[in-house]
Amino acid sequence: MAQRSGMVEKRGASHWLIHAGMILGVVIIAFPIWLAFVASTVTQSDIISPPMPLWPGEHFFENYSKALVSGINAPVGRMLLNSTIMALGIALGKIFISILSAFAIVYFRFPGRRLFFWLIFLTLMLPVEVRIVPTYQVAANFGLLNSYSGLIFPLLASATATFLFRQFFMTVPDELAEAARVDGARPMRFFWDILLPMSRTNMAALFVILFIYGWNQYLWPLLITTDPEMNTIVMGIKQMFPSGDDFADWPVIMATSILAMLPPVIVVVGMQKLFIRGLVDSEK
């Protein structure tokens, strides 16, 4: 009994130690975000005159309304809208194209389908940064500069999503396809009625990842847009920082940074259950 109670006590100590480490890690990660939020609620003099306050000030509505309506180079509300449209377009477009590509590769028999799959897979070695010059030239020739189409369409292809959907479709029993064929279902009916519902958690997990990928894009929007009205929020934050002896409105910059974090956080929290199931659930 004494040995068993000692094991229980030891397990309890390790349990609390693990939780203490997790809490410490959360505090370390969250503290800079808390400081940014506090800086977005105080005045400029409170920030540049040490010590900086650790509790929110009384200028929350003033600073956030200034950021949303006027901003510094462009209204933050407009940049948030641009980033949301771009991130949604990239995420939904990548999923739509990838799931159809994987469906064709797995369920249709045509010459060279394995070659086409590996050609798609090899594009993983060619990220946007490598092919950015010819991609920009093609987009400019099609008149896609300063447009949502230019922000979204060149980034739609996704070898990773195609590979993940292909691997999932290969785990679906062949009996399902045979039963659908016997019942007279055409390939697209089989896709819409059977495969698509089964892929719901996979699509949710990919949507979260691809939305954040599109939201964090900086280099491509920087090249494809010259109109301040088409700036994304990531571009806007970079442009707000002063160069040389310029004045920096730090409360507005911090308010913009906090606003830029909200949409990805909402997407992750709102789709958390489906996201986790899409990554770890083996029962489809």
C-alpha atoms as a PDB file:
ATOM      1  CA  MET A   1       0.000   0.000   0.000  1.00  0.00           C
ATOM      2  CA  ALA A   2       2.816   2.402   0.873  1.00  0.00           C
ATOM      3  CA  GLN A   3       4.442   1.772  -2.504  1.00  0.00           C
ATOM      4  CA  ARG A   4       1.174   2.375  -4.341  1.00  0.00           C
ATOM      5  CA  SER A   5       0.480   5.590  -2.414  1.00  0.00           C
ATOM      6  CA  GLY A   6       4.005   6.768  -3.206  1.00  0.00           C
ATOM      7  CA  MET A   7       3.325   6.194  -6.910  1.00  0.00           C
ATOM      8  CA  VAL A   8       0.100   8.192  -6.634  1.00  0.00           C
ATOM      9  CA  GLU A   9       1.890  11.052  -4.887  1.00  0.00           C
ATOM     10  CA  LYS A  10       4.646  11.029  -7.492  1.00  0.00           C
ATOM     11  CA  ARG A  11       2.097  11.055 -10.304  1.00  0.00           C
ATOM     12  CA  GLY A  12       0.277  13.939  -8.616  1.00  0.00           C
ATOM     13  CA  ALA A  13       3.485  15.951  -8.325  1.00  0.00           C
ATOM     14  CA  SER A  14       4.328  15.427 -11.994  1.00  0.00           C
ATOM     15  CA  HIS A  15       0.741  16.342 -12.896  1.00  0.00           C
ATOM     16  CA  TRP A  16       0.998  19.709 -11.147  1.00  0.00           C
ATOM     17  CA  LEU A  17       4.489  20.293 -12.514  1.00  0.00           C
ATOM     18  CA  ILE A  18       3.278  19.763 -16.095  1.00  0.00           C
ATOM     19  CA  HIS A  19       0.362  22.127 -15.572  1.00  0.00           C
ATOM     20  CA  ALA A  20       2.624  24.734 -13.980  1.00  0.00           C
ATOM     21  CA  GLY A  21       4.908  24.555 -17.002  1.00  0.00           C
ATOM     22  CA  MET A  22       1.946  24.928 -19.355  1.00  0.00           C
ATOM     23  CA  ILE A  23       0.647  27.949 -17.434  1.00  0.00           C
ATOM     24  CA  LEU A  24       4.098  29.525 -17.491  1.00  0.00           C
ATOM     25  CA  GLY A  25       4.321  28.979 -21.242  1.00  0.00           C
ATOM     26  CA  VAL A  26       0.902  30.583 -21.775  1.00  0.00           C
ATOM     27  CA  VAL A  27       1.934  33.584 -19.664  1.00  0.00           C
ATOM     28  CA  ILE A  28       5.171  34.023 -21.623  1.00  0.00           C
ATOM     29  CA  ILE A  29       3.312  33.866 -24.952  1.00  0.00           C
ATOM     30  CA  ALA A  30       0.370  36.030 -23.850  1.00  0.00           C
ATOM     31  CA  PHE A  31       2.322  38.774 -22.079  1.00  0.00           C
ATOM     32  CA  PRO A  32       3.528  40.564 -25.271  1.00  0.00           C
ATOM     33  CA  ILE A  33      -0.041  40.447 -26.619  1.00  0.00           C
ATOM     34  CA  TRP A  34      -1.296  41.934 -23.344  1.00  0.00           C
ATOM     35  CA  LEU A  35       1.300  44.716 -23.596  1.00  0.00           C
ATOM     36  CA  ALA A  36       0.179  45.451 -27.173  1.00  0.00           C
ATOM     37  CA  PHE A  37      -3.444  45.650 -25.999  1.00  0.00           C
ATOM     38  CA  VAL A  38      -2.507  47.965 -23.114  1.00  0.00           C
ATOM     39  CA  ALA A  39      -0.514  50.164 -25.520  1.00  0.00           C
ATOM     40  CA  SER A  40      -3.593  50.418 -27.749  1.00  0.00           C
ATOM     41  CA  THR A  41      -5.647  51.920 -24.899  1.00  0.00           C
ATOM     42  CA  VAL A  42      -3.290  54.654 -23.658  1.00  0.00           C
ATOM     43  CA  THR A  43      -1.827  57.847 -25.071  1.00  0.00           C
ATOM     44  CA  GLN A  44       1.407  58.349 -26.966  1.00  0.00           C
ATOM     45  CA  SER A  45       3.072  59.963 -23.959  1.00  0.00           C
ATOM     46  CA  ASP A  46       2.216  56.966 -21.762  1.00  0.00           C
ATOM     47  CA  ILE A  47       4.083  54.678 -24.161  1.00  0.00           C
ATOM     48  CA  ILE A  48       7.208  56.739 -24.756  1.00  0.00           C
ATOM     49  CA  SER A  49       7.572  57.782 -21.102  1.00  0.00           C
ATOM     50  CA  PRO A  50       8.827  54.801 -19.074  1.00  0.00           C
ATOM     51  CA  PRO A  51       7.684  52.850 -17.249  1.00  0.00           C
ATOM     52  CA  MET A  52       4.926  51.750 -19.573  1.00  0.00           C
ATOM     53  CA  PRO A  53       1.618  51.010 -17.791  1.00  0.00           C
ATOM     54  CA  LEU A  54       0.599  47.374 -17.397  1.00  0.00           C
ATOM     55  CA  TRP A  55      -3.154  48.002 -17.192  1.00  0.00           C
ATOM     56  CA  PRO A  56      -5.495  49.324 -19.887  1.00  0.00           C
ATOM     57  CA  GLY A  57      -6.049  53.053 -20.127  1.00  0.00           C
ATOM     58  CA  GLU A  58      -9.076  55.187 -20.876  1.00  0.00           C
ATOM     59  CA  HIS A  59      -8.518  55.767 -24.610  1.00  0.00           C
ATOM     60  CA  PHE A  60      -9.751  52.399 -25.939  1.00  0.00           C
ATOM     61  CA  PHE A  61     -12.629  53.702 -28.058  1.00  0.00           C
ATOM     62  CA  GLU A  62     -10.684  56.745 -29.213  1.00  0.00           C
ATOM     63  CA  ASN A  63      -7.673  54.788 -30.480  1.00  0.00           C
ATOM     64  CA  TYR A  64      -9.649  51.957 -32.071  1.00  0.00           C
ATOM     65  CA  SER A  65     -12.121  54.259 -33.789  1.00  0.00           C
ATOM     66  CA  LYS A  66      -9.219  56.313 -35.136  1.00  0.00           C
ATOM     67  CA  ALA A  67      -7.552  53.164 -36.474  1.00  0.00           C
ATOM     68  CA  LEU A  68     -10.724  51.802 -38.080  1.00  0.00           C
ATOM     69  CA  VAL A  69     -11.899  55.050 -39.659  1.00  0.00           C
ATOM     70  CA  SER A  70      -8.741  56.943 -40.624  1.00  0.00           C
ATOM     71  CA  GLY A  71      -5.697  54.813 -39.812  1.00  0.00           C
ATOM     72  CA  ILE A  72      -2.322  56.218 -40.841  1.00  0.00           C
ATOM     73  CA  ASN A  73      -1.867  55.453 -44.551  1.00  0.00           C
ATOM     74  CA  ALA A  74      -5.306  53.887 -45.156  1.00  0.00           C
ATOM     75  CA  PRO A  75      -8.344  53.046 -42.998  1.00  0.00           C
ATOM     76  CA  VAL A  76      -7.764  49.831 -41.071  1.00  0.00           C
ATOM     77  CA  GLY A  77     -11.365  48.785 -41.695  1.00  0.00           C
ATOM     78  CA  ARG A  78     -10.713  48.741 -45.421  1.00  0.00           C
ATOM     79  CA  MET A  79      -7.480  46.763 -44.997  1.00  0.00           C
ATOM     80  CA  LEU A  80      -9.244  44.233 -42.779  1.00  0.00           C
ATOM     81  CA  LEU A  81     -11.892  43.784 -45.477  1.00  0.00           C
ATOM     82  CA  ASN A  82      -9.215  43.273 -48.140  1.00  0.00           C
ATOM     83  CA  SER A  83      -7.385  40.695 -46.030  1.00  0.00           C
ATOM     84  CA  THR A  84     -10.623  38.860 -45.199  1.00  0.00           C
ATOM     85  CA  ILE A  85     -11.658  38.630 -48.853  1.00  0.00           C
ATOM     86  CA  MET A  86      -8.176  37.491 -49.844  1.00  0.00           C
ATOM     87  CA  ALA A  87      -7.897  34.875 -47.068  1.00  0.00           C
ATOM     88  CA  LEU A  88     -11.407  33.496 -47.685  1.00  0.00           C
ATOM     89  CA  GLY A  89     -10.849  33.384 -51.446  1.00  0.00           C
ATOM     90  CA  ILE A  90      -7.526  31.576 -51.101  1.00  0.00           C
ATOM     91  CA  ALA A  91      -8.804  29.070 -48.525  1.00  0.00           C
ATOM     92  CA  LEU A  92     -12.061  28.216 -50.312  1.00  0.00           C
ATOM     93  CA  GLY A  93     -10.451  28.242 -53.764  1.00  0.00           C
ATOM     94  CA  LYS A  94      -7.589  25.963 -52.725  1.00  0.00           C
ATOM     95  CA  ILE A  95      -9.981  23.481 -51.114  1.00  0.00           C
ATOM     96  CA  PHE A  96     -12.335  23.493 -54.127  1.00  0.00           C
ATOM     97  CA  ILE A  97      -9.587  22.957 -56.707  1.00  0.00           C
ATOM     98  CA  SER A  98      -7.635  20.458 -54.595  1.00  0.00           C
ATOM     99  CA  ILE A  99     -10.555  18.211 -53.715  1.00  0.00           C
ATOM    100  CA  LEU A 100     -11.673  18.019 -57.339  1.00  0.00           C
ATOM    101  CA  SER A 101      -8.106  17.305 -58.472  1.00  0.00           C
ATOM    102  CA  ALA A 102      -7.708  14.537 -55.896  1.00  0.00           C
ATOM    103  CA  PHE A 103     -11.092  13.061 -56.873  1.00  0.00           C
ATOM    104  CA  ALA A 104     -10.064  12.937 -60.533  1.00  0.00           C
ATOM    105  CA  ILE A 105      -6.673  11.382 -59.749  1.00  0.00           C
ATOM    106  CA  VAL A 106      -8.081   8.657 -57.479  1.00  0.00           C
ATOM    107  CA  TYR A 107     -11.372   7.699 -59.150  1.00  0.00           C
ATOM    108  CA  PHE A 108     -10.802   8.309 -62.848  1.00  0.00           C
ATOM    109  CA  ARG A 109      -8.606   6.109 -65.006  1.00  0.00           C
ATOM    110  CA  PHE A 110      -6.795   8.096 -67.675  1.00  0.00           C
ATOM    111  CA  PRO A 111      -3.296   7.888 -69.190  1.00  0.00           C
ATOM    112  CA  GLY A 112      -0.605   9.586 -67.165  1.00  0.00           C
ATOM    113  CA  ARG A 113      -2.678  10.225 -64.048  1.00  0.00           C
ATOM    114  CA  ARG A 114       0.214   9.206 -61.770  1.00  0.00           C
ATOM    115  CA  LEU A 115       2.541  11.458 -63.736  1.00  0.00           C
ATOM    116  CA  PHE A 116       0.133  14.371 -63.353  1.00  0.00           C
ATOM    117  CA  PHE A 117      -0.090  13.756 -59.614  1.00  0.00           C
ATOM    118  CA  TRP A 118       3.669  13.778 -59.179  1.00  0.00           C
ATOM    119  CA  LEU A 119       3.970  16.895 -61.329  1.00  0.00           C
ATOM    120  CA  ILE A 120       1.486  18.565 -58.983  1.00  0.00           C
ATOM    121  CA  PHE A 121       3.410  17.274 -55.983  1.00  0.00           C
ATOM    122  CA  LEU A 122       6.710  18.586 -57.355  1.00  0.00           C
ATOM    123  CA  THR A 123       5.315  22.138 -57.284  1.00  0.00           C
ATOM    124  CA  LEU A 124       5.938  22.027 -53.524  1.00  0.00           C
ATOM    125  CA  MET A 125       9.544  22.821 -54.431  1.00  0.00           C
ATOM    126  CA  LEU A 126       8.411  25.972 -56.252  1.00  0.00           C
ATOM    127  CA  PRO A 127       6.877  28.338 -53.689  1.00  0.00           C
ATOM    128  CA  VAL A 128       5.551  31.771 -54.624  1.00  0.00           C
ATOM    129  CA  GLU A 129       8.886  33.424 -53.863  1.00  0.00           C
ATOM    130  CA  VAL A 130      10.671  31.292 -56.502  1.00  0.00           C
ATOM    131  CA  ARG A 131       8.168  31.929 -59.331  1.00  0.00           C
ATOM    132  CA  ILE A 132       7.113  35.408 -58.303  1.00  0.00           C
ATOM    133  CA  VAL A 133       8.549  37.245 -61.336  1.00  0.00           C
ATOM    134  CA  PRO A 134       6.788  35.189 -64.065  1.00  0.00           C
ATOM    135  CA  THR A 135       3.645  35.040 -61.911  1.00  0.00           C
ATOM    136  CA  TYR A 136       3.628  38.821 -61.621  1.00  0.00           C
ATOM    137  CA  GLN A 137       4.162  39.191 -65.381  1.00  0.00           C
ATOM    138  CA  VAL A 138       1.227  36.883 -66.148  1.00  0.00           C
ATOM    139  CA  ALA A 139      -1.005  38.698 -63.654  1.00  0.00           C
ATOM    140  CA  ALA A 140      -0.040  42.070 -65.129  1.00  0.00           C
ATOM    141  CA  ASN A 141      -0.708  40.872 -68.689  1.00  0.00           C
ATOM    142  CA  PHE A 142      -4.192  39.746 -67.650  1.00  0.00           C
ATOM    143  CA  GLY A 143      -4.904  43.087 -65.977  1.00  0.00           C
ATOM    144  CA  LEU A 144      -5.098  41.688 -62.452  1.00  0.00           C
ATOM    145  CA  LEU A 145      -3.132  44.436 -60.725  1.00  0.00           C
ATOM    146  CA  ASN A 146      -4.941  46.207 -57.863  1.00  0.00           C
ATOM    147  CA  SER A 147      -7.782  43.704 -57.832  1.00  0.00           C
ATOM    148  CA  TYR A 148      -9.066  40.913 -55.624  1.00  0.00           C
ATOM    149  CA  SER A 149      -8.604  38.522 -58.538  1.00  0.00           C
ATOM    150  CA  GLY A 150      -4.914  39.368 -58.630  1.00  0.00           C
ATOM    151  CA  LEU A 151      -4.594  38.819 -54.897  1.00  0.00           C
ATOM    152  CA  ILE A 152      -6.350  35.445 -54.972  1.00  0.00           C
ATOM    153  CA  PHE A 153      -6.027  33.578 -58.280  1.00  0.00           C
ATOM    154  CA  PRO A 154      -2.205  33.232 -58.507  1.00  0.00           C
ATOM    155  CA  LEU A 155      -2.158  31.606 -55.045  1.00  0.00           C
ATOM    156  CA  LEU A 156      -4.978  29.094 -55.560  1.00  0.00           C
ATOM    157  CA  ALA A 157      -2.989  26.009 -56.579  1.00  0.00           C
ATOM    158  CA  SER A 158      -2.115  23.805 -53.592  1.00  0.00           C
ATOM    159  CA  ALA A 159      -0.136  20.593 -53.946  1.00  0.00           C
ATOM    160  CA  THR A 160      -0.347  19.966 -50.197  1.00  0.00           C
ATOM    161  CA  ALA A 161      -4.156  20.035 -50.100  1.00  0.00           C
ATOM    162  CA  THR A 162      -4.340  17.857 -53.228  1.00  0.00           C
ATOM    163  CA  PHE A 163      -2.006  15.315 -51.636  1.00  0.00           C
ATOM    164  CA  LEU A 164      -3.973  15.224 -48.363  1.00  0.00           C
ATOM    165  CA  PHE A 165      -7.318  14.750 -50.132  1.00  0.00           C
ATOM    166  CA  ARG A 166      -5.810  12.060 -52.367  1.00  0.00           C
ATOM    167  CA  GLN A 167      -4.511  10.152 -49.359  1.00  0.00           C
ATOM    168  CA  PHE A 168      -7.916  10.360 -47.687  1.00  0.00           C
ATOM    169  CA  PHE A 169      -9.799   9.217 -50.797  1.00  0.00           C
ATOM    170  CA  MET A 170      -7.485   6.222 -51.078  1.00  0.00           C
ATOM    171  CA  THR A 171      -8.646   5.087 -47.606  1.00  0.00           C
ATOM    172  CA  VAL A 172     -12.315   5.097 -48.647  1.00  0.00           C
ATOM    173  CA  PRO A 173     -13.452   1.473 -49.279  1.00  0.00           C
ATOM    174  CA  ASP A 174     -13.903   0.594 -52.932  1.00  0.00           C
ATOM    175  CA  GLU A 175     -17.227  -0.995 -51.999  1.00  0.00           C
ATOM    176  CA  LEU A 176     -18.750   2.464 -51.581  1.00  0.00           C
ATOM    177  CA  ALA A 177     -17.904   3.412 -55.157  1.00  0.00           C
ATOM    178  CA  GLU A 178     -19.138   0.054 -56.428  1.00  0.00           C
ATOM    179  CA  ALA A 179     -22.416   0.377 -54.511  1.00  0.00           C
ATOM    180  CA  ALA A 180     -22.944   3.874 -55.869  1.00  0.00           C
ATOM    181  CA  ARG A 181     -22.270   2.642 -59.407  1.00  0.00           C
ATOM    182  CA  VAL A 182     -24.747  -0.227 -58.985  1.00  0.00           C
ATOM    183  CA  ASP A 183     -27.389   2.243 -57.745  1.00  0.00           C
ATOM    184  CA  GLY A 184     -26.893   4.283 -60.903  1.00  0.00           C
ATOM    185  CA  ALA A 185     -25.094   7.212 -59.314  1.00  0.00           C
ATOM    186  CA  ARG A 186     -22.859   9.143 -61.691  1.00  0.00           C
ATOM    187  CA  PRO A 187     -19.336  10.090 -60.569  1.00  0.00           C
ATOM    188  CA  MET A 188     -20.279  13.634 -59.495  1.00  0.00           C
ATOM    189  CA  ARG A 189     -23.300  12.340 -57.567  1.00  0.00           C
ATOM    190  CA  PHE A 190     -20.962   9.949 -55.731  1.00  0.00           C
ATOM    191  CA  PHE A 191     -18.656  12.884 -55.066  1.00  0.00           C
ATOM    192  CA  TRP A 192     -21.357  15.243 -53.744  1.00  0.00           C
ATOM    193  CA  ASP A 193     -23.423  12.713 -51.757  1.00  0.00           C
ATOM    194  CA  ILE A 194     -20.707  10.468 -50.312  1.00  0.00           C
ATOM    195  CA  LEU A 195     -17.160  11.785 -50.565  1.00  0.00           C
ATOM    196  CA  LEU A 196     -17.871  15.437 -49.765  1.00  0.00           C
ATOM    197  CA  PRO A 197     -19.727  14.758 -46.475  1.00  0.00           C
ATOM    198  CA  MET A 198     -17.001  12.318 -45.450  1.00  0.00           C
ATOM    199  CA  SER A 199     -14.358  14.982 -46.119  1.00  0.00           C
ATOM    200  CA  ARG A 200     -16.001  17.608 -43.913  1.00  0.00           C
ATOM    201  CA  THR A 201     -13.484  17.453 -41.061  1.00  0.00           C
ATOM    202  CA  ASN A 202     -10.543  17.376 -43.484  1.00  0.00           C
ATOM    203  CA  MET A 203     -11.885  20.453 -45.237  1.00  0.00           C
ATOM    204  CA  ALA A 204     -12.358  22.232 -41.902  1.00  0.00           C
ATOM    205  CA  ALA A 205      -8.778  21.535 -40.828  1.00  0.00           C
ATOM    206  CA  LEU A 206      -7.421  22.682 -44.182  1.00  0.00           C
ATOM    207  CA  PHE A 207      -9.648  25.773 -44.141  1.00  0.00           C
ATOM    208  CA  VAL A 208      -8.140  26.955 -40.851  1.00  0.00           C
ATOM    209  CA  ILE A 209      -4.574  26.402 -42.078  1.00  0.00           C
ATOM    210  CA  LEU A 210      -5.172  27.976 -45.492  1.00  0.00           C
ATOM    211  CA  PHE A 211      -7.092  30.943 -44.079  1.00  0.00           C
ATOM    212  CA  ILE A 212      -4.154  31.832 -41.842  1.00  0.00           C
ATOM    213  CA  TYR A 213      -1.802  31.257 -44.793  1.00  0.00           C
ATOM    214  CA  GLY A 214      -3.774  33.729 -46.903  1.00  0.00           C
ATOM    215  CA  TRP A 215      -4.150  36.206 -44.046  1.00  0.00           C
ATOM    216  CA  ASN A 216      -0.380  36.340 -43.432  1.00  0.00           C
ATOM    217  CA  GLN A 217       0.590  36.911 -47.070  1.00  0.00           C
ATOM    218  CA  TYR A 218       2.856  39.925 -47.437  1.00  0.00           C
ATOM    219  CA  LEU A 219       5.200  39.678 -50.428  1.00  0.00           C
ATOM    220  CA  TRP A 220       2.591  38.918 -53.101  1.00  0.00           C
ATOM    221  CA  PRO A 221       0.108  41.671 -52.062  1.00  0.00           C
ATOM    222  CA  LEU A 222       3.030  44.067 -51.843  1.00  0.00           C
ATOM    223  CA  LEU A 223       3.856  43.429 -55.524  1.00  0.00           C
ATOM    224  CA  ILE A 224       0.380  43.082 -56.991  1.00  0.00           C
ATOM    225  CA  THR A 225      -1.148  46.219 -55.394  1.00  0.00           C
ATOM    226  CA  THR A 226      -0.111  49.838 -55.719  1.00  0.00           C
ATOM    227  CA  ASP A 227      -3.397  51.445 -54.700  1.00  0.00           C
ATOM    228  CA  PRO A 228      -3.586  52.111 -50.908  1.00  0.00           C
ATOM    229  CA  GLU A 229      -7.258  51.108 -51.049  1.00  0.00           C
ATOM    230  CA  MET A 230      -6.151  47.545 -51.894  1.00  0.00           C
ATOM    231  CA  ASN A 231      -3.615  47.214 -49.073  1.00  0.00           C
ATOM    232  CA  THR A 232      -3.956  44.198 -46.798  1.00  0.00           C
ATOM    233  CA  ILE A 233      -3.676  44.487 -43.037  1.00  0.00           C
ATOM    234  CA  VAL A 234      -0.209  42.890 -42.950  1.00  0.00           C
ATOM    235  CA  MET A 235       1.033  45.461 -45.473  1.00  0.00           C
ATOM    236  CA  GLY A 236      -0.674  48.233 -43.517  1.00  0.00           C
ATOM    237  CA  ILE A 237       1.048  47.376 -40.256  1.00  0.00           C
ATOM    238  CA  LYS A 238       4.450  47.370 -41.960  1.00  0.00           C
ATOM    239  CA  GLN A 239       3.753  50.739 -43.594  1.00  0.00           C
ATOM    240  CA  MET A 240       2.701  52.274 -40.279  1.00  0.00           C
ATOM    241  CA  PHE A 241       6.158  51.929 -38.795  1.00  0.00           C
ATOM    242  CA  PRO A 242       8.164  55.150 -39.195  1.00  0.00           C
ATOM    243  CA  SER A 243      11.262  55.526 -41.309  1.00  0.00           C
ATOM    244  CA  GLY A 244      13.996  57.914 -40.314  1.00  0.00           C
ATOM    245  CA  ASP A 245      12.796  60.715 -38.054  1.00  0.00           C
ATOM    246  CA  ASP A 246       9.101  60.272 -38.829  1.00  0.00           C
ATOM    247  CA  PHE A 247       6.594  60.293 -36.013  1.00  0.00           C
ATOM    248  CA  ALA A 248       5.025  56.971 -34.981  1.00  0.00           C
ATOM    249  CA  ASP A 249       1.503  56.931 -33.612  1.00  0.00           C
ATOM    250  CA  TRP A 250       2.070  53.898 -31.409  1.00  0.00           C
ATOM    251  CA  PRO A 251      -1.446  53.619 -29.908  1.00  0.00           C
ATOM    252  CA  VAL A 252      -2.949  53.410 -33.420  1.00  0.00           C
ATOM    253  CA  ILE A 253      -0.266  50.937 -34.541  1.00  0.00           C
ATOM    254  CA  MET A 254      -0.937  48.697 -31.542  1.00  0.00           C
ATOM    255  CA  ALA A 255      -4.692  48.958 -32.031  1.00  0.00           C
ATOM    256  CA  THR A 256      -4.211  47.910 -35.650  1.00  0.00           C
ATOM    257  CA  SER A 257      -2.071  44.945 -34.566  1.00  0.00           C
ATOM    258  CA  ILE A 258      -4.739  43.771 -32.134  1.00  0.00           C
ATOM    259  CA  LEU A 259      -7.455  44.129 -34.793  1.00  0.00           C
ATOM    260  CA  ALA A 260      -5.278  42.156 -37.245  1.00  0.00           C
ATOM    261  CA  MET A 261      -5.154  39.219 -34.820  1.00  0.00           C
ATOM    262  CA  LEU A 262      -8.913  38.976 -34.299  1.00  0.00           C
ATOM    263  CA  PRO A 263     -10.110  37.299 -37.563  1.00  0.00           C
ATOM    264  CA  PRO A 264      -7.589  34.398 -37.432  1.00  0.00           C
ATOM    265  CA  VAL A 265      -8.347  33.903 -33.734  1.00  0.00           C
ATOM    266  CA  ILE A 266     -12.092  33.841 -34.452  1.00  0.00           C
ATOM    267  CA  VAL A 267     -11.597  31.276 -37.229  1.00  0.00           C
ATOM    268  CA  VAL A 268      -9.393  29.017 -35.086  1.00  0.00           C
ATOM    269  CA  VAL A 269     -11.656  29.194 -32.016  1.00  0.00           C
ATOM    270  CA  GLY A 270     -14.867  28.853 -34.019  1.00  0.00           C
ATOM    271  CA  MET A 271     -13.644  25.798 -35.927  1.00  0.00           C
ATOM    272  CA  GLN A 272     -11.539  24.293 -33.156  1.00  0.00           C
ATOM    273  CA  LYS A 273     -13.487  21.047 -32.783  1.00  0.00           C
ATOM    274  CA  LEU A 274     -13.646  20.332 -36.504  1.00  0.00           C
ATOM    275  CA  PHE A 275      -9.994  21.342 -36.870  1.00  0.00           C
ATOM    276  CA  ILE A 276      -8.847  18.868 -34.212  1.00  0.00           C
ATOM    277  CA  ARG A 277     -11.073  16.096 -35.578  1.00  0.00           C
ATOM    278  CA  GLY A 278      -9.729  16.693 -39.064  1.00  0.00           C
ATOM    279  CA  LEU A 279      -6.177  16.230 -37.830  1.00  0.00           C
ATOM    280  CA  VAL A 280      -6.526  13.294 -35.415  1.00  0.00           C
ATOM    281  CA  ASP A 281      -9.841  11.543 -36.068  1.00  0.00           C
ATOM    282  CA  SER A 282      -9.333   8.212 -37.813  1.00  0.00           C
ATOM    283  CA  GLU A 283     -13.027   7.292 -38.012  1.00  0.00           C
ATOM    284  CA  LYS A 284     -14.493   8.883 -41.135  1.00  0.00           C
END
